Structure formats: C-alpha cells, structure tokens
N, C-alpha and C. Protein backbone atom coordinates (compact mmCIF):
# COMPACT_ATOMS: atom_id res chain seq x y z
N MET A 1 -82.23 20.55 -161.46
CA MET A 1 -82.26 20.01 -162.83
C MET A 1 -83.67 19.51 -163.10
N GLU A 2 -84.26 19.85 -164.29
CA GLU A 2 -85.52 19.50 -164.61
C GLU A 2 -85.48 18.14 -165.31
N THR A 3 -86.50 17.34 -165.03
CA THR A 3 -86.56 15.97 -165.58
C THR A 3 -87.09 16.02 -167.03
N LEU A 4 -86.82 15.09 -167.79
CA LEU A 4 -87.19 15.01 -169.17
C LEU A 4 -88.74 14.83 -169.15
N MET A 5 -89.44 15.72 -169.96
CA MET A 5 -90.91 15.68 -169.99
C MET A 5 -91.38 15.28 -171.33
N ALA A 6 -92.57 14.81 -171.40
CA ALA A 6 -93.22 14.55 -172.70
C ALA A 6 -94.41 15.44 -172.83
N LEU A 7 -94.62 16.04 -174.08
CA LEU A 7 -95.68 16.86 -174.34
C LEU A 7 -97.00 16.05 -174.11
N HIS A 8 -97.96 16.68 -173.50
CA HIS A 8 -99.23 16.07 -173.09
C HIS A 8 -100.25 16.18 -174.26
N VAL A 9 -100.03 15.47 -175.29
CA VAL A 9 -100.94 15.47 -176.51
C VAL A 9 -102.05 14.50 -176.34
N ASP A 10 -103.32 14.95 -176.31
CA ASP A 10 -104.53 14.11 -176.26
C ASP A 10 -105.20 14.04 -177.55
N ASP A 11 -106.30 13.26 -177.63
CA ASP A 11 -107.07 13.25 -178.88
C ASP A 11 -107.59 14.54 -179.40
N GLU A 12 -108.01 15.42 -178.44
CA GLU A 12 -108.49 16.71 -178.85
C GLU A 12 -107.49 17.54 -179.51
N ALA A 13 -106.22 17.51 -178.98
CA ALA A 13 -105.14 18.27 -179.67
C ALA A 13 -104.84 17.69 -180.94
N ASP A 14 -104.78 16.32 -181.10
CA ASP A 14 -104.57 15.78 -182.43
C ASP A 14 -105.60 16.15 -183.40
N MET A 15 -106.84 16.10 -182.97
CA MET A 15 -107.91 16.49 -183.91
C MET A 15 -107.89 17.99 -184.29
N SER A 16 -107.42 18.79 -183.41
CA SER A 16 -107.32 20.22 -183.69
C SER A 16 -106.29 20.48 -184.80
N LEU A 17 -105.18 19.73 -184.76
CA LEU A 17 -104.15 19.85 -185.82
C LEU A 17 -104.74 19.33 -187.11
N VAL A 18 -105.41 18.16 -187.07
CA VAL A 18 -106.09 17.61 -188.20
C VAL A 18 -106.99 18.60 -188.89
N ARG A 19 -107.83 19.27 -188.02
CA ARG A 19 -108.77 20.28 -188.54
C ARG A 19 -108.08 21.42 -189.24
N ILE A 20 -107.01 21.97 -188.58
CA ILE A 20 -106.23 23.10 -189.22
C ILE A 20 -105.68 22.69 -190.59
N VAL A 21 -104.93 21.56 -190.58
CA VAL A 21 -104.29 21.11 -191.86
C VAL A 21 -105.39 20.78 -192.84
N GLY A 22 -106.50 20.17 -192.42
CA GLY A 22 -107.61 19.89 -193.28
C GLY A 22 -108.29 21.13 -193.89
N GLY A 23 -108.37 22.11 -193.06
CA GLY A 23 -108.94 23.43 -193.53
C GLY A 23 -108.03 24.08 -194.59
N LEU A 24 -106.68 23.92 -194.45
CA LEU A 24 -105.77 24.46 -195.43
C LEU A 24 -105.87 23.63 -196.68
N ARG A 25 -106.04 22.36 -196.62
CA ARG A 25 -106.19 21.51 -197.77
C ARG A 25 -107.49 21.92 -198.49
N SER A 26 -108.58 22.14 -197.76
CA SER A 26 -109.84 22.60 -198.44
C SER A 26 -109.63 23.93 -199.02
N ALA A 27 -108.92 24.83 -198.42
CA ALA A 27 -108.66 26.18 -198.98
C ALA A 27 -107.85 26.03 -200.37
N ARG A 28 -106.85 25.16 -200.30
CA ARG A 28 -106.06 24.90 -201.44
C ARG A 28 -106.95 24.38 -202.64
N LEU A 29 -107.82 23.34 -202.32
CA LEU A 29 -108.63 22.80 -203.36
C LEU A 29 -109.67 23.81 -203.87
N ASP A 30 -110.27 24.65 -202.90
CA ASP A 30 -111.20 25.64 -203.31
C ASP A 30 -110.54 26.69 -204.25
N ALA A 31 -109.29 26.91 -204.07
CA ALA A 31 -108.50 27.87 -204.92
C ALA A 31 -108.07 27.23 -206.17
N GLY A 32 -108.32 25.94 -206.33
CA GLY A 32 -107.93 25.24 -207.54
C GLY A 32 -106.42 25.12 -207.71
N LEU A 33 -105.71 25.02 -206.60
CA LEU A 33 -104.29 24.86 -206.61
C LEU A 33 -103.84 23.45 -206.43
N SER A 34 -102.86 22.97 -207.20
CA SER A 34 -102.19 21.76 -206.87
C SER A 34 -101.25 21.85 -205.77
N GLN A 35 -100.81 20.85 -205.20
CA GLN A 35 -99.81 20.95 -204.21
C GLN A 35 -98.49 21.60 -204.67
N ASN A 36 -98.13 21.14 -205.97
CA ASN A 36 -96.89 21.73 -206.61
C ASN A 36 -97.07 23.24 -206.88
N ALA A 37 -98.30 23.67 -207.34
CA ALA A 37 -98.50 25.09 -207.57
C ALA A 37 -98.48 25.81 -206.37
N LEU A 38 -99.06 25.36 -205.20
CA LEU A 38 -99.00 26.07 -203.92
C LEU A 38 -97.58 26.14 -203.40
N SER A 39 -96.84 25.05 -203.66
CA SER A 39 -95.38 25.11 -203.11
C SER A 39 -94.55 26.10 -203.82
N SER A 40 -94.95 26.66 -205.01
CA SER A 40 -94.09 27.57 -205.67
C SER A 40 -93.91 28.84 -204.88
N GLY A 41 -94.92 29.26 -203.97
CA GLY A 41 -94.76 30.42 -203.15
C GLY A 41 -94.24 30.16 -201.79
N LEU A 42 -93.76 28.88 -201.56
CA LEU A 42 -93.24 28.45 -200.29
C LEU A 42 -91.80 27.91 -200.35
N PRO A 43 -91.11 27.81 -199.24
CA PRO A 43 -89.75 27.30 -199.33
C PRO A 43 -89.68 25.74 -199.27
N VAL A 44 -90.83 25.11 -199.69
CA VAL A 44 -90.89 23.64 -199.70
C VAL A 44 -91.33 23.17 -201.06
N ARG A 45 -91.26 21.86 -201.30
CA ARG A 45 -91.81 21.28 -202.48
C ARG A 45 -93.19 20.71 -202.22
N GLY A 46 -93.86 20.39 -203.33
CA GLY A 46 -95.22 19.86 -203.26
C GLY A 46 -95.33 18.53 -202.47
N ARG A 47 -94.23 17.78 -202.43
CA ARG A 47 -94.24 16.53 -201.68
C ARG A 47 -94.36 16.83 -200.21
N ALA A 48 -93.77 17.91 -199.69
CA ALA A 48 -93.89 18.21 -198.25
C ALA A 48 -95.38 18.55 -197.98
N ILE A 49 -96.02 19.36 -198.87
CA ILE A 49 -97.45 19.71 -198.65
C ILE A 49 -98.31 18.44 -198.63
N SER A 50 -97.96 17.45 -199.46
CA SER A 50 -98.69 16.18 -199.55
C SER A 50 -98.49 15.43 -198.26
N GLU A 51 -97.33 15.38 -197.71
CA GLU A 51 -97.04 14.68 -196.40
C GLU A 51 -97.77 15.40 -195.27
N TRP A 52 -97.85 16.76 -195.28
CA TRP A 52 -98.63 17.45 -194.26
C TRP A 52 -100.11 17.12 -194.36
N GLU A 53 -100.63 17.15 -195.53
CA GLU A 53 -102.07 16.94 -195.73
C GLU A 53 -102.50 15.52 -195.48
N THR A 54 -101.54 14.60 -195.60
CA THR A 54 -101.86 13.16 -195.28
C THR A 54 -101.50 12.76 -193.88
N GLY A 55 -100.89 13.67 -193.14
CA GLY A 55 -100.45 13.31 -191.78
C GLY A 55 -99.20 12.55 -191.62
N LEU A 56 -98.51 12.38 -192.78
CA LEU A 56 -97.14 11.64 -192.69
C LEU A 56 -96.11 12.44 -191.95
N SER A 57 -96.23 13.79 -192.00
CA SER A 57 -95.32 14.68 -191.27
C SER A 57 -96.07 15.87 -190.83
N GLU A 58 -95.40 16.61 -189.89
CA GLU A 58 -95.99 17.83 -189.31
C GLU A 58 -95.14 18.98 -189.85
N PRO A 59 -95.81 20.01 -190.38
CA PRO A 59 -95.03 21.21 -190.75
C PRO A 59 -94.45 21.95 -189.47
N THR A 60 -93.47 22.70 -189.74
CA THR A 60 -92.96 23.62 -188.60
C THR A 60 -94.02 24.63 -188.49
N LEU A 61 -94.04 25.40 -187.39
CA LEU A 61 -94.91 26.53 -187.21
C LEU A 61 -94.74 27.52 -188.28
N GLU A 62 -93.47 27.76 -188.66
CA GLU A 62 -93.17 28.73 -189.73
C GLU A 62 -93.77 28.37 -191.04
N HIS A 63 -93.60 27.11 -191.35
CA HIS A 63 -94.20 26.58 -192.69
C HIS A 63 -95.76 26.59 -192.65
N LEU A 64 -96.32 26.30 -191.44
CA LEU A 64 -97.84 26.34 -191.33
C LEU A 64 -98.25 27.80 -191.51
N MET A 65 -97.60 28.76 -190.93
CA MET A 65 -98.01 30.16 -191.08
C MET A 65 -97.83 30.66 -192.50
N GLN A 66 -96.73 30.14 -193.20
CA GLN A 66 -96.52 30.57 -194.59
C GLN A 66 -97.69 29.98 -195.50
N LEU A 67 -98.00 28.71 -195.21
CA LEU A 67 -99.06 28.05 -195.89
C LEU A 67 -100.38 28.72 -195.70
N CYS A 68 -100.71 29.21 -194.46
CA CYS A 68 -101.86 29.99 -194.13
C CYS A 68 -101.82 31.26 -194.98
N ARG A 69 -100.72 32.00 -195.01
CA ARG A 69 -100.64 33.23 -195.63
C ARG A 69 -100.91 33.09 -197.22
N GLU A 70 -100.34 32.01 -197.81
CA GLU A 70 -100.54 31.73 -199.23
C GLU A 70 -101.96 31.44 -199.57
N LEU A 71 -102.74 30.95 -198.59
CA LEU A 71 -104.12 30.57 -198.84
C LEU A 71 -105.13 31.59 -198.29
N GLY A 72 -104.62 32.71 -197.80
CA GLY A 72 -105.64 33.72 -197.31
C GLY A 72 -106.23 33.26 -196.01
N ARG A 73 -105.46 32.58 -195.18
CA ARG A 73 -105.95 32.15 -193.81
C ARG A 73 -104.92 32.63 -192.79
N TYR A 74 -105.45 32.59 -191.58
CA TYR A 74 -104.59 32.95 -190.42
C TYR A 74 -104.92 31.98 -189.24
N LEU A 75 -103.89 31.66 -188.49
CA LEU A 75 -104.03 31.05 -187.24
C LEU A 75 -104.34 31.99 -186.23
N VAL A 76 -105.34 31.71 -185.37
CA VAL A 76 -105.75 32.59 -184.37
C VAL A 76 -105.91 31.90 -183.08
N VAL A 77 -105.76 32.64 -181.94
CA VAL A 77 -105.96 32.07 -180.66
C VAL A 77 -107.42 32.49 -180.26
N VAL A 78 -108.26 31.48 -179.87
CA VAL A 78 -109.63 31.70 -179.58
C VAL A 78 -109.79 31.43 -178.06
N GLY A 79 -110.21 32.39 -177.30
CA GLY A 79 -110.40 32.26 -175.83
C GLY A 79 -111.57 31.40 -175.48
N PRO A 80 -111.68 31.13 -174.18
CA PRO A 80 -112.76 30.28 -173.66
C PRO A 80 -114.16 30.91 -174.02
N ASP A 81 -114.21 32.20 -174.23
CA ASP A 81 -115.54 32.84 -174.59
C ASP A 81 -115.92 32.76 -176.06
N GLY A 82 -114.89 32.21 -176.86
CA GLY A 82 -115.20 32.11 -178.28
C GLY A 82 -114.61 33.28 -179.07
N ALA A 83 -114.09 34.29 -178.38
CA ALA A 83 -113.56 35.53 -179.03
C ALA A 83 -112.15 35.26 -179.39
N VAL A 84 -111.75 35.84 -180.64
CA VAL A 84 -110.39 35.78 -181.10
C VAL A 84 -109.59 36.70 -180.18
N ARG A 85 -108.40 36.20 -179.75
CA ARG A 85 -107.53 36.97 -178.80
C ARG A 85 -106.32 37.38 -179.53
N ASN A 86 -106.17 38.69 -179.80
CA ASN A 86 -105.08 39.15 -180.58
C ASN A 86 -104.10 39.93 -179.67
N GLY A 87 -104.45 40.27 -178.41
CA GLY A 87 -103.59 41.03 -177.60
C GLY A 87 -103.35 42.39 -178.21
N LEU A 88 -102.62 43.31 -177.60
CA LEU A 88 -102.28 44.63 -178.03
C LEU A 88 -100.94 44.53 -178.80
N ILE A 89 -100.91 44.07 -180.04
CA ILE A 89 -99.63 43.82 -180.62
C ILE A 89 -99.58 44.74 -181.86
N ARG A 90 -98.46 45.47 -181.98
CA ARG A 90 -98.17 46.33 -183.13
C ARG A 90 -96.95 45.76 -183.82
N GLN A 91 -97.11 45.83 -185.17
CA GLN A 91 -96.00 45.34 -185.98
C GLN A 91 -94.95 46.49 -186.08
N HIS A 92 -93.77 46.28 -185.72
CA HIS A 92 -92.71 47.30 -185.79
C HIS A 92 -91.92 47.05 -187.12
N ALA A 93 -91.39 48.21 -187.67
CA ALA A 93 -90.62 48.08 -188.88
C ALA A 93 -89.52 46.99 -188.92
N ARG A 94 -88.94 46.83 -187.74
CA ARG A 94 -87.86 45.87 -187.60
C ARG A 94 -88.33 44.33 -187.60
N ASP A 95 -89.60 44.18 -187.35
CA ASP A 95 -90.19 42.84 -187.22
C ASP A 95 -90.20 42.08 -188.53
N ALA A 96 -89.63 40.98 -188.64
CA ALA A 96 -89.85 40.05 -189.75
C ALA A 96 -91.24 39.53 -189.69
N TRP A 97 -91.84 39.23 -190.79
CA TRP A 97 -93.22 38.73 -190.79
C TRP A 97 -93.44 37.58 -189.87
N GLY A 98 -92.53 36.58 -189.91
CA GLY A 98 -92.72 35.41 -189.10
C GLY A 98 -92.60 35.69 -187.62
N ILE A 99 -91.74 36.61 -187.22
CA ILE A 99 -91.68 36.95 -185.78
C ILE A 99 -92.94 37.62 -185.41
N PHE A 100 -93.45 38.54 -186.17
CA PHE A 100 -94.68 39.18 -185.81
C PHE A 100 -95.84 38.12 -185.63
N GLU A 101 -95.94 37.24 -186.58
CA GLU A 101 -96.94 36.26 -186.53
C GLU A 101 -96.81 35.36 -185.35
N ARG A 102 -95.63 34.93 -184.94
CA ARG A 102 -95.43 34.20 -183.77
C ARG A 102 -95.78 35.01 -182.53
N ARG A 103 -95.45 36.31 -182.53
CA ARG A 103 -95.87 37.09 -181.33
C ARG A 103 -97.34 37.24 -181.28
N ARG A 104 -97.98 37.37 -182.43
CA ARG A 104 -99.44 37.54 -182.44
C ARG A 104 -100.19 36.28 -181.78
N LEU A 105 -99.51 35.17 -182.01
CA LEU A 105 -100.06 33.86 -181.37
C LEU A 105 -99.56 33.68 -179.95
N ALA A 106 -98.44 34.22 -179.54
CA ALA A 106 -97.86 34.01 -178.23
C ALA A 106 -98.44 34.99 -177.13
N VAL A 107 -98.58 36.24 -177.50
CA VAL A 107 -98.99 37.22 -176.47
C VAL A 107 -100.33 36.91 -175.89
N PRO A 108 -101.36 36.51 -176.64
CA PRO A 108 -102.61 36.21 -175.97
C PRO A 108 -102.44 35.02 -174.97
N LEU A 109 -101.63 34.02 -175.29
CA LEU A 109 -101.44 32.90 -174.39
C LEU A 109 -100.62 33.34 -173.13
N ARG A 110 -99.68 34.20 -173.36
CA ARG A 110 -98.92 34.74 -172.12
C ARG A 110 -99.91 35.53 -171.30
N ASN A 111 -100.74 36.39 -171.89
CA ASN A 111 -101.65 37.16 -171.07
C ASN A 111 -102.64 36.30 -170.30
N ARG A 112 -103.11 35.25 -171.05
CA ARG A 112 -104.08 34.27 -170.40
C ARG A 112 -103.42 33.54 -169.21
N ARG A 113 -102.19 33.18 -169.34
CA ARG A 113 -101.49 32.47 -168.27
C ARG A 113 -101.33 33.45 -167.11
N LEU A 114 -100.93 34.65 -167.32
CA LEU A 114 -100.88 35.70 -166.24
C LEU A 114 -102.25 35.95 -165.62
N ALA A 115 -103.35 35.97 -166.39
CA ALA A 115 -104.66 36.17 -165.87
C ALA A 115 -105.09 35.06 -164.94
N LEU A 116 -104.59 33.84 -165.25
CA LEU A 116 -104.97 32.67 -164.46
C LEU A 116 -104.03 32.49 -163.27
N GLY A 117 -102.97 33.31 -163.16
CA GLY A 117 -102.02 33.34 -162.10
C GLY A 117 -101.15 32.11 -162.11
N LEU A 118 -100.88 31.63 -163.32
CA LEU A 118 -99.97 30.44 -163.39
C LEU A 118 -98.57 30.95 -163.66
N THR A 119 -97.57 30.22 -163.07
CA THR A 119 -96.15 30.59 -163.35
C THR A 119 -95.79 29.80 -164.69
N GLN A 120 -94.74 30.13 -165.31
CA GLN A 120 -94.22 29.44 -166.43
C GLN A 120 -93.97 27.98 -166.11
N ARG A 121 -93.41 27.72 -164.89
CA ARG A 121 -93.14 26.39 -164.45
C ARG A 121 -94.40 25.57 -164.31
N GLN A 122 -95.42 26.09 -163.69
CA GLN A 122 -96.73 25.42 -163.56
C GLN A 122 -97.40 25.06 -164.93
N LEU A 123 -97.29 26.13 -165.80
CA LEU A 123 -97.90 25.85 -167.14
C LEU A 123 -97.04 24.80 -167.92
N GLY A 124 -95.70 24.83 -167.73
CA GLY A 124 -94.86 23.83 -168.32
C GLY A 124 -95.22 22.40 -167.97
N ARG A 125 -95.55 22.26 -166.62
CA ARG A 125 -95.96 20.96 -166.21
C ARG A 125 -97.25 20.49 -166.77
N LEU A 126 -98.16 21.45 -166.98
CA LEU A 126 -99.51 21.09 -167.56
C LEU A 126 -99.32 20.74 -169.05
N VAL A 127 -98.37 21.42 -169.75
CA VAL A 127 -98.21 21.19 -171.19
C VAL A 127 -97.28 19.96 -171.38
N GLY A 128 -96.39 19.75 -170.47
CA GLY A 128 -95.40 18.61 -170.63
C GLY A 128 -94.13 19.04 -171.19
N VAL A 129 -93.76 20.40 -170.89
CA VAL A 129 -92.49 20.91 -171.33
C VAL A 129 -91.85 21.63 -170.13
N SER A 130 -90.54 22.05 -170.32
CA SER A 130 -89.93 22.77 -169.25
C SER A 130 -90.37 24.24 -169.19
N ARG A 131 -90.13 24.81 -168.06
CA ARG A 131 -90.32 26.22 -167.84
C ARG A 131 -89.63 27.02 -168.91
N ASP A 132 -88.34 26.63 -169.26
CA ASP A 132 -87.57 27.33 -170.20
C ASP A 132 -88.27 27.30 -171.54
N SER A 133 -88.87 26.20 -171.90
CA SER A 133 -89.67 26.14 -173.20
C SER A 133 -90.77 27.10 -173.26
N ILE A 134 -91.55 27.19 -172.15
CA ILE A 134 -92.69 28.26 -172.05
C ILE A 134 -92.09 29.61 -172.21
N GLN A 135 -91.03 29.90 -171.46
CA GLN A 135 -90.40 31.10 -171.58
C GLN A 135 -89.95 31.57 -172.95
N ARG A 136 -89.28 30.60 -173.64
CA ARG A 136 -88.81 30.86 -175.03
C ARG A 136 -90.01 31.10 -175.93
N TRP A 137 -91.07 30.29 -175.79
CA TRP A 137 -92.31 30.45 -176.67
C TRP A 137 -92.88 31.86 -176.40
N GLU A 138 -93.00 32.26 -175.09
CA GLU A 138 -93.67 33.46 -174.82
C GLU A 138 -92.76 34.64 -175.29
N LEU A 139 -91.52 34.58 -175.29
CA LEU A 139 -90.65 35.65 -175.74
C LEU A 139 -90.42 35.50 -177.22
N VAL A 140 -91.02 34.54 -177.89
CA VAL A 140 -90.86 34.35 -179.35
C VAL A 140 -89.38 34.13 -179.75
N HIS A 141 -88.61 33.53 -178.91
CA HIS A 141 -87.27 33.15 -179.14
C HIS A 141 -87.18 31.83 -179.97
N VAL A 142 -88.06 30.91 -179.62
CA VAL A 142 -88.11 29.67 -180.27
C VAL A 142 -89.52 29.30 -180.52
N PRO A 143 -89.81 28.96 -181.79
CA PRO A 143 -91.24 28.59 -182.09
C PRO A 143 -91.61 27.18 -181.57
N PRO A 144 -92.72 26.94 -180.94
CA PRO A 144 -93.12 25.61 -180.65
C PRO A 144 -93.54 24.87 -181.92
N ARG A 145 -93.55 23.54 -181.91
CA ARG A 145 -94.11 22.78 -182.98
C ARG A 145 -95.63 23.08 -183.07
N PRO A 146 -96.33 23.01 -184.18
CA PRO A 146 -97.74 23.29 -184.12
C PRO A 146 -98.56 22.48 -183.11
N ILE A 147 -98.26 21.25 -182.93
CA ILE A 147 -99.00 20.41 -181.93
C ILE A 147 -98.69 20.96 -180.52
N ALA A 148 -97.44 21.40 -180.28
CA ALA A 148 -97.18 21.97 -178.99
C ALA A 148 -97.87 23.25 -178.75
N HIS A 149 -97.99 24.11 -179.83
CA HIS A 149 -98.75 25.36 -179.71
C HIS A 149 -100.24 24.96 -179.35
N ILE A 150 -100.76 23.97 -179.98
CA ILE A 150 -102.18 23.62 -179.73
C ILE A 150 -102.30 23.22 -178.23
N VAL A 151 -101.39 22.38 -177.74
CA VAL A 151 -101.52 21.92 -176.34
C VAL A 151 -101.34 23.06 -175.47
N TRP A 152 -100.43 24.02 -175.69
CA TRP A 152 -100.19 25.20 -174.93
C TRP A 152 -101.48 26.03 -174.79
N ALA A 153 -102.13 26.27 -175.90
CA ALA A 153 -103.43 26.93 -175.82
C ALA A 153 -104.44 26.17 -175.12
N GLN A 154 -104.57 24.87 -175.39
CA GLN A 154 -105.53 24.06 -174.74
C GLN A 154 -105.44 24.05 -173.19
N LYS A 155 -104.23 24.01 -172.71
CA LYS A 155 -104.04 23.95 -171.22
C LYS A 155 -104.44 25.27 -170.57
N LEU A 156 -104.48 26.31 -171.38
CA LEU A 156 -105.00 27.60 -170.90
C LEU A 156 -106.46 27.90 -171.15
N GLY A 157 -107.20 26.81 -171.66
CA GLY A 157 -108.59 26.93 -172.00
C GLY A 157 -108.89 27.60 -173.31
N CYS A 158 -107.85 27.79 -174.11
CA CYS A 158 -107.99 28.43 -175.44
C CYS A 158 -107.87 27.38 -176.57
N ARG A 159 -108.10 27.84 -177.76
CA ARG A 159 -107.90 26.95 -178.96
C ARG A 159 -107.15 27.69 -180.00
N LEU A 160 -106.41 26.93 -180.76
CA LEU A 160 -105.74 27.54 -181.96
C LEU A 160 -106.65 27.12 -183.19
N GLU A 161 -107.09 28.10 -183.90
CA GLU A 161 -108.11 27.77 -185.01
C GLU A 161 -107.55 28.50 -186.28
N LEU A 162 -108.13 28.04 -187.40
CA LEU A 162 -107.86 28.62 -188.72
C LEU A 162 -109.04 29.53 -189.05
N ARG A 163 -108.74 30.66 -189.51
CA ARG A 163 -109.76 31.56 -189.93
C ARG A 163 -109.34 32.27 -191.28
N PRO A 164 -110.39 32.58 -192.13
CA PRO A 164 -110.06 33.29 -193.30
C PRO A 164 -109.73 34.80 -192.96
N VAL A 165 -109.03 35.47 -193.84
CA VAL A 165 -108.58 36.84 -193.58
C VAL A 165 -109.52 37.79 -194.30
N ALA A 166 -109.88 38.93 -193.62
CA ALA A 166 -110.51 40.00 -194.36
C ALA A 166 -109.80 41.26 -193.92
N VAL A 167 -109.42 42.16 -194.87
CA VAL A 167 -108.73 43.34 -194.50
C VAL A 167 -109.77 44.41 -194.12
N GLU A 168 -109.44 45.19 -193.07
CA GLU A 168 -110.20 46.23 -192.62
C GLU A 168 -110.76 47.14 -193.78
N GLY A 169 -112.08 47.40 -193.83
CA GLY A 169 -112.61 48.27 -194.84
C GLY A 169 -113.08 47.40 -196.04
N SER A 170 -112.81 46.10 -195.99
CA SER A 170 -113.37 45.24 -197.08
C SER A 170 -114.93 44.99 -196.79
N PRO A 171 -115.62 44.34 -197.68
CA PRO A 171 -117.04 44.09 -197.48
C PRO A 171 -117.27 43.25 -196.27
N VAL A 172 -116.28 42.46 -195.78
CA VAL A 172 -116.52 41.58 -194.57
C VAL A 172 -116.29 42.49 -193.45
N GLU A 173 -117.24 42.77 -192.50
CA GLU A 173 -117.07 43.61 -191.38
C GLU A 173 -117.04 42.89 -190.12
N ALA A 174 -116.34 43.28 -189.07
CA ALA A 174 -116.21 42.52 -187.81
C ALA A 174 -117.44 42.83 -186.91
N ASP A 175 -117.73 41.77 -186.13
CA ASP A 175 -118.79 41.93 -185.17
C ASP A 175 -118.07 42.31 -183.83
N GLY A 176 -118.78 42.37 -182.77
CA GLY A 176 -118.27 42.88 -181.53
C GLY A 176 -117.26 41.97 -180.81
N ARG A 177 -117.20 40.71 -181.27
CA ARG A 177 -116.32 39.80 -180.62
C ARG A 177 -114.99 39.57 -181.32
N GLY A 178 -114.72 40.36 -182.35
CA GLY A 178 -113.46 40.18 -183.01
C GLY A 178 -113.53 39.23 -184.18
N HIS A 179 -114.73 38.73 -184.44
CA HIS A 179 -114.98 37.85 -185.63
C HIS A 179 -115.46 38.68 -186.69
N ALA A 180 -115.27 38.32 -187.97
CA ALA A 180 -115.95 38.97 -189.10
C ALA A 180 -117.16 38.26 -189.38
N GLU A 181 -118.13 38.93 -189.89
CA GLU A 181 -119.35 38.35 -190.21
C GLU A 181 -119.07 37.58 -191.52
N GLY A 182 -119.91 36.57 -191.76
CA GLY A 182 -119.60 35.69 -192.93
C GLY A 182 -118.88 34.46 -192.28
N PRO A 183 -117.79 34.10 -192.94
CA PRO A 183 -117.18 32.83 -192.56
C PRO A 183 -116.15 32.94 -191.40
N ASN A 184 -116.43 33.72 -190.36
CA ASN A 184 -115.57 33.93 -189.24
C ASN A 184 -114.18 34.40 -189.61
N ALA A 185 -114.08 35.34 -190.53
CA ALA A 185 -112.88 35.90 -191.04
C ALA A 185 -112.20 36.72 -189.87
N VAL A 186 -110.93 36.78 -189.83
CA VAL A 186 -110.15 37.70 -189.01
C VAL A 186 -109.98 38.98 -189.74
N VAL A 187 -110.29 40.11 -189.11
CA VAL A 187 -110.12 41.36 -189.71
C VAL A 187 -108.73 41.95 -189.37
N LEU A 188 -108.01 42.30 -190.36
CA LEU A 188 -106.67 42.89 -190.16
C LEU A 188 -106.74 44.31 -190.64
N SER A 189 -105.94 45.14 -190.01
CA SER A 189 -105.90 46.53 -190.55
C SER A 189 -105.15 46.62 -191.82
N LYS A 190 -105.43 47.58 -192.65
CA LYS A 190 -104.83 47.73 -193.96
C LYS A 190 -103.31 47.97 -193.80
N SER A 191 -102.89 48.56 -192.68
CA SER A 191 -101.48 48.81 -192.46
C SER A 191 -100.78 47.48 -192.33
N TYR A 192 -101.51 46.51 -191.76
CA TYR A 192 -100.75 45.17 -191.63
C TYR A 192 -100.81 44.39 -192.91
N GLY A 193 -102.01 44.19 -193.45
CA GLY A 193 -102.20 43.57 -194.72
C GLY A 193 -101.90 42.21 -194.80
N GLY A 194 -101.32 41.58 -193.76
CA GLY A 194 -100.92 40.19 -193.77
C GLY A 194 -99.84 39.80 -194.69
N SER A 195 -99.11 40.73 -195.19
CA SER A 195 -98.04 40.45 -196.20
C SER A 195 -96.73 40.31 -195.40
N PRO A 196 -95.81 39.61 -195.96
CA PRO A 196 -94.50 39.55 -195.34
C PRO A 196 -93.76 40.93 -195.65
N SER A 197 -92.81 41.25 -194.72
CA SER A 197 -91.96 42.47 -195.08
C SER A 197 -90.87 42.08 -195.91
C-alpha cells in the first residue's frame, strides 16, 4: 500500500505556472480581448479567466489547453538542451483534440523518463505522486493539474513553456532545434492545424 504523498512544488514550479498564465494574459490583451469576449469560445465564464489570471484559482489542464488554442499559443515540453520535444506523435481520426494535446505533452516526458532509466515508481517519488498517477498521466488516462505537469517535467530536467503557433508553410520557418524563427513559435503541420476535431 502506497503512502499518501504531496506534490513537490517549489518556487521554480510556481513561477513557471505564473509565466504561462501571464503569457496567456498578455496574448489576450495583445489581441484586444476582454475576459468575457475570450470566454465566449470556452466552456467557462469570464470570471473564471479573471481568477486564473489573478492566481485565485488554477485552470484544469483541459481549460489551459483550450485557452492556449483560443489565443494562438501551445504548451510545449522543452528539453534540457532547449529544444522543443514533441515525440513521434500522429493525430488519429479517432483522437479528440484534448486527448491528442495531452498525448503531445505526455509522450516526450515518458520518453525522457525511459531515457533516464527511471521507473514510474521512482519518478512518482521525485514528483510526489504515486506510481499509478505517473502511469495514468503517461497513458493519457487522467490529466495532471497544470502545476503537477510542470513538476513532472521539472523532475525530468524539462520545462513546460508557452509558445506561439505557426503553421508549416507560413512565413515563420523552423530552425534546426524545432523552434520557429521569430518569437519561438511552434511549427505545426497543416494537416494538424491546431484545431479541435
């Protein structure tokens, strides 16, 4: 029987979440959108966005991904070398948009865990969650809270960051490390397009 564990959140993890939410707030303001106008494309009200932006509450991972999509941004896993880690992930016709997005964020972390030779139990101890939680996150059965996703990445020497989106073939072109020139945009293929199915 596993003992009750507490997520190992440090100041760096807290600041990472603040940077992501702050980046989304800046993107909203740059787009000239009020919180209420932005909420019209989301399954939440403007008050929820206000609470996220002020730190009164934390969005779910699904809400955070939807907020990113509405603002032309993506959460990405950045490896210790500074390169965006996408893994070899293909979107299947049966994949809901949210499942694909969670898989896009989970696979690089699973691959990194395996490359480091860590078991799910060992990683769980580092993160402050059970082996079962790590397994569910890696299999995309249950989404972690955003702060848990940040800690998960952090314990593997990676970071969760916010990047603007550029579609392949647009004027923003990728450099050799998976970044797009200009404001570090993530380049997505036209077939993906970043839209929900």
